[in-house]
């Protein structure tokens, strides 16, 4: 029985797909491989695992680009408390990441007695010029 090159190629492709399906959990959990691949695709930039997880969680945008601004940064990603609050805002208000960040920032200002324009609301505060 003689097989053509095309049928062997199709059989090899089928075997690769079946193997990938069987090993999908191991592939998904192998973060070292994926982070190395991301690093290669990003032109060699190294992004810490924390920032990589934040990017995968959707906590990035064109205006707040974690990949571009945190290359070679060794911190563990964004602040966990702020991340959780922003994710909650995104889910509850059904808004995108940028709108959720703005809402979070306004709430933080309000909690710290700061006006929306960044000026302190404390009557004893002194500000020079505008």
N, C-alpha and C. Protein backbone atom coordinates (compact mmCIF):
# COMPACT_ATOMS: atom_id res chain seq x y z
N UNK A 1 0.85 -1.16 0.00
CA UNK A 1 0.00 0.00 0.00
C UNK A 1 0.90 1.23 0.00
N UNK A 2 0.71 2.13 -0.94
CA UNK A 2 1.52 3.33 -1.10
C UNK A 2 0.67 4.55 -0.76
N UNK A 3 1.23 5.41 0.08
CA UNK A 3 0.52 6.64 0.45
C UNK A 3 1.15 7.82 -0.28
N UNK A 4 0.32 8.75 -0.70
CA UNK A 4 0.83 9.95 -1.36
C UNK A 4 1.33 10.93 -0.30
N UNK A 5 2.10 11.88 -0.74
CA UNK A 5 2.63 12.90 0.17
C UNK A 5 1.52 13.72 0.80
N UNK A 6 0.48 13.97 0.04
CA UNK A 6 -0.64 14.77 0.55
C UNK A 6 -1.36 14.03 1.68
N UNK A 7 -1.62 12.75 1.50
CA UNK A 7 -2.33 12.00 2.53
C UNK A 7 -1.46 11.85 3.79
N UNK A 8 -0.14 11.73 3.62
CA UNK A 8 0.74 11.67 4.79
C UNK A 8 0.75 13.01 5.53
N UNK A 9 0.72 14.09 4.78
CA UNK A 9 0.68 15.43 5.39
C UNK A 9 -0.61 15.64 6.17
N UNK A 10 -1.72 15.20 5.59
CA UNK A 10 -3.01 15.32 6.28
C UNK A 10 -3.02 14.46 7.53
N UNK A 11 -2.47 13.25 7.45
CA UNK A 11 -2.41 12.36 8.61
C UNK A 11 -1.54 12.97 9.71
N UNK A 12 -0.41 13.57 9.34
CA UNK A 12 0.47 14.20 10.33
C UNK A 12 -0.22 15.39 10.98
N UNK A 13 -0.92 16.20 10.20
CA UNK A 13 -1.66 17.34 10.73
C UNK A 13 -2.74 16.87 11.70
N UNK A 14 -3.44 15.82 11.32
CA UNK A 14 -4.49 15.26 12.17
C UNK A 14 -3.90 14.77 13.50
N UNK A 15 -2.76 14.11 13.44
CA UNK A 15 -2.10 13.62 14.66
C UNK A 15 -1.69 14.78 15.57
N UNK A 16 -1.19 15.86 14.98
CA UNK A 16 -0.80 17.03 15.78
C UNK A 16 -2.01 17.65 16.46
N UNK A 17 -3.12 17.74 15.75
CA UNK A 17 -4.34 18.31 16.33
C UNK A 17 -4.85 17.44 17.47
N UNK A 18 -4.86 16.14 17.27
CA UNK A 18 -5.32 15.22 18.32
C UNK A 18 -4.40 15.32 19.54
N UNK A 19 -3.09 15.36 19.33
CA UNK A 19 -2.14 15.47 20.43
C UNK A 19 -2.33 16.79 21.18
N UNK A 20 -2.51 17.87 20.45
CA UNK A 20 -2.74 19.17 21.10
C UNK A 20 -4.03 19.15 21.91
N UNK A 21 -5.06 18.51 21.39
CA UNK A 21 -6.33 18.43 22.11
C UNK A 21 -6.16 17.62 23.40
N UNK A 22 -5.45 16.51 23.32
CA UNK A 22 -5.25 15.66 24.49
C UNK A 22 -4.42 16.39 25.54
N UNK A 23 -3.43 17.13 25.13
CA UNK A 23 -2.50 17.80 26.05
C UNK A 23 -2.87 19.27 26.30
N UNK A 24 -4.09 19.69 25.99
CA UNK A 24 -4.46 21.10 26.06
C UNK A 24 -4.29 21.70 27.45
N UNK A 25 -4.59 20.95 28.51
CA UNK A 25 -4.43 21.46 29.87
C UNK A 25 -2.95 21.70 30.19
N UNK A 26 -2.11 20.79 29.79
CA UNK A 26 -0.67 20.96 30.03
C UNK A 26 -0.14 22.14 29.22
N UNK A 27 -0.63 22.29 28.02
CA UNK A 27 -0.20 23.41 27.18
C UNK A 27 -0.65 24.72 27.80
N UNK A 28 -1.90 24.77 28.24
CA UNK A 28 -2.46 25.99 28.82
C UNK A 28 -1.74 26.36 30.11
N UNK A 29 -1.36 25.38 30.89
CA UNK A 29 -0.73 25.64 32.18
C UNK A 29 0.77 25.87 32.10
N UNK A 30 1.35 25.65 30.96
CA UNK A 30 2.79 25.82 30.82
C UNK A 30 3.11 27.30 30.55
N UNK A 31 3.10 28.09 31.61
CA UNK A 31 3.28 29.53 31.49
C UNK A 31 4.68 29.91 31.02
N UNK A 32 5.66 29.10 31.33
CA UNK A 32 7.02 29.41 30.92
C UNK A 32 7.12 29.44 29.41
N UNK A 33 6.53 28.45 28.77
CA UNK A 33 6.55 28.40 27.31
C UNK A 33 5.82 29.58 26.71
N UNK A 34 4.63 29.87 27.24
CA UNK A 34 3.84 30.96 26.68
C UNK A 34 4.50 32.31 26.93
N UNK A 35 5.07 32.53 28.12
CA UNK A 35 5.72 33.82 28.38
C UNK A 35 6.97 33.97 27.50
N UNK A 36 7.68 32.86 27.27
CA UNK A 36 8.82 32.92 26.36
C UNK A 36 8.39 33.24 24.94
N UNK A 37 7.27 32.66 24.52
CA UNK A 37 6.74 32.95 23.19
C UNK A 37 6.30 34.40 23.10
N UNK A 38 5.63 34.90 24.14
CA UNK A 38 5.21 36.30 24.14
C UNK A 38 6.43 37.22 24.07
N UNK A 39 7.46 36.88 24.82
CA UNK A 39 8.68 37.68 24.81
C UNK A 39 9.28 37.72 23.41
N UNK A 40 9.32 36.58 22.75
CA UNK A 40 9.84 36.51 21.38
C UNK A 40 8.99 37.36 20.44
N UNK A 41 7.67 37.25 20.57
CA UNK A 41 6.77 38.00 19.69
C UNK A 41 6.79 39.49 19.98
N UNK A 42 7.11 39.89 21.21
CA UNK A 42 7.18 41.30 21.57
C UNK A 42 8.55 41.89 21.27
N UNK A 43 9.35 41.21 20.52
CA UNK A 43 10.66 41.72 20.14
C UNK A 43 11.69 41.59 21.25
N UNK A 44 11.54 40.61 22.11
CA UNK A 44 12.52 40.38 23.15
C UNK A 44 12.24 41.12 24.44
N UNK A 45 11.17 41.92 24.50
CA UNK A 45 10.85 42.62 25.73
C UNK A 45 10.42 41.62 26.79
N UNK A 46 10.92 41.78 27.99
CA UNK A 46 10.54 40.89 29.10
C UNK A 46 9.51 41.60 29.95
N UNK A 47 8.36 40.99 30.10
CA UNK A 47 7.31 41.52 30.94
C UNK A 47 7.14 40.55 32.10
N UNK A 48 7.06 41.08 33.32
CA UNK A 48 6.95 40.20 34.48
C UNK A 48 5.65 39.40 34.41
N UNK A 49 5.63 38.28 35.11
CA UNK A 49 4.46 37.40 35.10
C UNK A 49 3.21 38.13 35.58
N UNK A 50 3.37 39.01 36.58
CA UNK A 50 2.22 39.75 37.11
C UNK A 50 1.59 40.64 36.06
N UNK A 51 2.42 41.38 35.32
CA UNK A 51 1.89 42.24 34.27
C UNK A 51 1.30 41.41 33.13
N UNK A 52 1.90 40.27 32.84
CA UNK A 52 1.36 39.39 31.80
C UNK A 52 -0.03 38.92 32.19
N UNK A 53 -0.22 38.55 33.44
CA UNK A 53 -1.55 38.13 33.91
C UNK A 53 -2.54 39.28 33.85
N UNK A 54 -2.09 40.50 34.17
CA UNK A 54 -2.97 41.67 34.10
C UNK A 54 -3.41 41.93 32.66
N UNK A 55 -2.48 41.77 31.73
CA UNK A 55 -2.81 41.96 30.31
C UNK A 55 -3.83 40.92 29.87
N UNK A 56 -3.60 39.66 30.26
CA UNK A 56 -4.52 38.59 29.89
C UNK A 56 -5.90 38.78 30.52
N UNK A 57 -5.96 39.46 31.68
CA UNK A 57 -7.24 39.71 32.35
C UNK A 57 -7.97 40.90 31.75
N UNK A 58 -7.38 41.55 30.75
CA UNK A 58 -8.04 42.67 30.08
C UNK A 58 -7.77 44.01 30.74
N UNK A 59 -6.78 44.09 31.60
CA UNK A 59 -6.49 45.33 32.31
C UNK A 59 -5.43 46.14 31.58
N UNK A 60 -5.67 46.38 30.32
CA UNK A 60 -4.77 47.18 29.49
C UNK A 60 -5.58 47.77 28.35
N UNK A 61 -5.08 48.83 27.76
CA UNK A 61 -5.75 49.48 26.63
C UNK A 61 -4.71 50.29 25.86
N UNK A 62 -5.13 50.95 24.80
CA UNK A 62 -4.21 51.81 24.06
C UNK A 62 -3.74 52.98 24.91
N UNK A 63 -4.62 53.47 25.79
CA UNK A 63 -4.28 54.60 26.65
C UNK A 63 -3.48 54.17 27.88
N UNK A 64 -3.57 52.90 28.26
CA UNK A 64 -2.90 52.37 29.45
C UNK A 64 -2.25 51.05 29.04
N UNK A 65 -1.20 51.16 28.24
CA UNK A 65 -0.56 50.00 27.61
C UNK A 65 0.49 49.39 28.54
N UNK A 66 0.11 48.30 29.20
CA UNK A 66 1.02 47.65 30.14
C UNK A 66 2.24 47.06 29.45
N UNK A 67 2.05 46.47 28.29
CA UNK A 67 3.17 45.81 27.60
C UNK A 67 4.23 46.83 27.18
N UNK A 68 3.80 47.96 26.68
CA UNK A 68 4.75 48.95 26.18
C UNK A 68 5.45 49.71 27.31
N UNK A 69 4.77 49.91 28.42
CA UNK A 69 5.32 50.76 29.47
C UNK A 69 5.92 50.01 30.65
N UNK A 70 5.85 48.69 30.63
CA UNK A 70 6.38 47.93 31.76
C UNK A 70 7.36 46.85 31.35
N UNK A 71 7.97 47.00 30.19
CA UNK A 71 8.99 46.04 29.77
C UNK A 71 10.16 46.12 30.74
N UNK A 72 10.68 44.99 31.12
CA UNK A 72 11.80 44.87 32.05
C UNK A 72 11.48 45.40 33.45
N UNK A 73 10.21 45.60 33.76
CA UNK A 73 9.79 46.02 35.11
C UNK A 73 9.64 44.77 35.96
N UNK A 74 10.30 44.71 37.09
CA UNK A 74 10.31 43.50 37.90
C UNK A 74 9.20 43.44 38.95
N UNK A 75 8.36 44.47 39.01
CA UNK A 75 7.26 44.43 39.98
C UNK A 75 6.28 43.32 39.63
N UNK A 76 5.41 42.98 40.56
CA UNK A 76 4.48 41.86 40.38
C UNK A 76 3.17 42.27 39.74
N UNK A 77 3.17 43.30 38.95
CA UNK A 77 1.94 43.72 38.28
C UNK A 77 1.25 44.85 39.01
N UNK A 78 0.00 45.06 38.66
CA UNK A 78 -0.79 46.13 39.24
C UNK A 78 -1.19 45.79 40.68
N UNK A 79 -1.57 46.81 41.43
CA UNK A 79 -2.02 46.63 42.81
C UNK A 79 -3.25 45.73 42.85
N UNK A 80 -3.21 44.69 43.67
CA UNK A 80 -4.29 43.70 43.71
C UNK A 80 -5.62 44.31 44.12
N UNK A 81 -5.63 45.18 45.12
CA UNK A 81 -6.88 45.79 45.58
C UNK A 81 -7.49 46.65 44.47
N UNK A 82 -6.67 47.46 43.83
CA UNK A 82 -7.16 48.31 42.74
C UNK A 82 -7.66 47.46 41.57
N UNK A 83 -6.92 46.39 41.24
CA UNK A 83 -7.35 45.49 40.15
C UNK A 83 -8.72 44.92 40.43
N UNK A 84 -8.91 44.42 41.65
CA UNK A 84 -10.20 43.81 41.99
C UNK A 84 -11.33 44.82 41.93
N UNK A 85 -11.09 46.04 42.41
CA UNK A 85 -12.13 47.06 42.36
C UNK A 85 -12.45 47.44 40.92
N UNK A 86 -11.43 47.56 40.08
CA UNK A 86 -11.65 47.92 38.68
C UNK A 86 -12.40 46.80 37.95
N UNK A 87 -12.03 45.55 38.23
CA UNK A 87 -12.76 44.42 37.62
C UNK A 87 -14.22 44.43 38.05
N UNK A 88 -14.47 44.72 39.34
CA UNK A 88 -15.86 44.79 39.82
C UNK A 88 -16.63 45.89 39.10
N UNK A 89 -16.01 47.05 38.92
CA UNK A 89 -16.66 48.16 38.20
C UNK A 89 -16.96 47.74 36.77
N UNK A 90 -16.00 47.07 36.12
CA UNK A 90 -16.21 46.63 34.74
C UNK A 90 -17.40 45.67 34.65
N UNK A 91 -17.51 44.75 35.60
CA UNK A 91 -18.59 43.77 35.57
C UNK A 91 -19.93 44.37 35.96
N UNK A 92 -19.96 45.19 37.01
CA UNK A 92 -21.21 45.74 37.50
C UNK A 92 -21.78 46.80 36.56
N UNK A 93 -20.92 47.70 36.08
CA UNK A 93 -21.38 48.80 35.24
C UNK A 93 -21.33 48.47 33.75
N UNK A 94 -20.75 47.32 33.42
CA UNK A 94 -20.60 46.89 32.03
C UNK A 94 -19.91 47.97 31.18
N UNK A 95 -18.75 48.39 31.67
CA UNK A 95 -17.96 49.40 30.97
C UNK A 95 -16.60 48.80 30.61
N UNK A 96 -15.88 49.49 29.73
CA UNK A 96 -14.56 49.01 29.35
C UNK A 96 -13.53 49.40 30.41
N UNK A 97 -12.31 48.96 30.19
CA UNK A 97 -11.25 49.15 31.17
C UNK A 97 -10.98 50.63 31.46
N UNK A 98 -10.93 51.47 30.41
CA UNK A 98 -10.63 52.88 30.62
C UNK A 98 -11.71 53.58 31.43
N UNK A 99 -12.97 53.29 31.14
CA UNK A 99 -14.07 53.90 31.89
C UNK A 99 -14.05 53.42 33.34
N UNK A 100 -13.74 52.16 33.56
CA UNK A 100 -13.66 51.62 34.92
C UNK A 100 -12.51 52.26 35.69
N UNK A 101 -11.39 52.50 35.03
CA UNK A 101 -10.26 53.19 35.69
C UNK A 101 -10.66 54.59 36.10
N UNK A 102 -11.37 55.30 35.21
CA UNK A 102 -11.81 56.67 35.52
C UNK A 102 -12.77 56.66 36.71
N UNK A 103 -13.72 55.74 36.72
CA UNK A 103 -14.66 55.63 37.84
C UNK A 103 -13.91 55.33 39.13
N UNK A 104 -12.97 54.42 39.08
CA UNK A 104 -12.17 54.07 40.25
C UNK A 104 -11.40 55.29 40.76
N UNK A 105 -10.77 56.03 39.85
CA UNK A 105 -9.99 57.21 40.23
C UNK A 105 -10.88 58.27 40.87
N UNK A 106 -12.06 58.50 40.30
CA UNK A 106 -12.99 59.48 40.88
C UNK A 106 -13.42 59.07 42.28
N UNK A 107 -13.65 57.78 42.49
CA UNK A 107 -14.03 57.30 43.82
C UNK A 107 -12.87 57.49 44.81
N UNK A 108 -11.65 57.21 44.35
CA UNK A 108 -10.49 57.40 45.22
C UNK A 108 -10.33 58.88 45.59
N UNK A 109 -10.50 59.77 44.62
CA UNK A 109 -10.45 61.21 44.90
C UNK A 109 -11.49 61.58 45.94
N UNK A 110 -12.72 61.13 45.73
CA UNK A 110 -13.81 61.45 46.64
C UNK A 110 -13.52 60.94 48.05
N UNK A 111 -13.01 59.73 48.16
CA UNK A 111 -12.69 59.15 49.46
C UNK A 111 -11.57 59.91 50.18
N UNK A 112 -10.73 60.59 49.43
CA UNK A 112 -9.60 61.31 50.00
C UNK A 112 -9.81 62.82 50.03
N UNK A 113 -11.08 63.25 49.87
CA UNK A 113 -11.45 64.66 49.95
C UNK A 113 -10.71 65.51 48.90
N UNK A 114 -10.72 65.01 47.67
CA UNK A 114 -10.08 65.70 46.55
C UNK A 114 -11.14 65.91 45.48
N UNK A 115 -11.17 67.12 44.90
CA UNK A 115 -12.13 67.43 43.84
C UNK A 115 -11.77 66.68 42.56
N UNK A 116 -12.72 66.63 41.63
CA UNK A 116 -12.50 65.91 40.37
C UNK A 116 -11.35 66.50 39.56
N UNK A 117 -11.07 67.80 39.75
CA UNK A 117 -9.97 68.42 39.01
C UNK A 117 -8.62 68.24 39.70
N UNK A 118 -8.60 67.52 40.84
CA UNK A 118 -7.35 67.24 41.53
C UNK A 118 -7.02 68.20 42.66
N UNK A 119 -7.85 69.22 42.86
CA UNK A 119 -7.62 70.18 43.93
C UNK A 119 -8.16 69.64 45.25
N UNK A 120 -7.45 69.84 46.34
CA UNK A 120 -7.94 69.36 47.64
C UNK A 120 -9.17 70.16 48.07
N UNK A 121 -10.11 69.49 48.73
CA UNK A 121 -11.33 70.14 49.21
C UNK A 121 -11.18 70.65 50.64
N UNK A 122 -10.05 70.41 51.25
CA UNK A 122 -9.79 70.87 52.60
C UNK A 122 -9.74 72.40 52.60
N UNK A 123 -10.56 73.07 53.44
CA UNK A 123 -10.57 74.54 53.44
C UNK A 123 -9.24 75.15 53.89
N UNK A 124 -8.40 74.39 54.57
CA UNK A 124 -7.11 74.91 55.01
C UNK A 124 -6.02 74.75 53.96
N UNK A 125 -6.33 74.05 52.88
CA UNK A 125 -5.33 73.81 51.83
C UNK A 125 -5.06 75.10 51.07
N UNK A 126 -3.81 75.29 50.71
CA UNK A 126 -3.40 76.47 49.95
C UNK A 126 -2.87 76.00 48.61
N UNK A 127 -3.37 76.61 47.52
CA UNK A 127 -2.89 76.29 46.17
C UNK A 127 -2.43 77.58 45.51
N UNK A 128 -1.32 77.53 44.82
CA UNK A 128 -0.77 78.71 44.17
C UNK A 128 -0.96 78.62 42.67
N UNK A 129 -1.55 79.67 42.08
CA UNK A 129 -1.68 79.77 40.63
C UNK A 129 -2.54 78.69 40.02
N UNK A 130 -2.92 78.97 38.82
CA UNK A 130 -3.69 78.00 38.06
C UNK A 130 -3.37 78.08 36.61
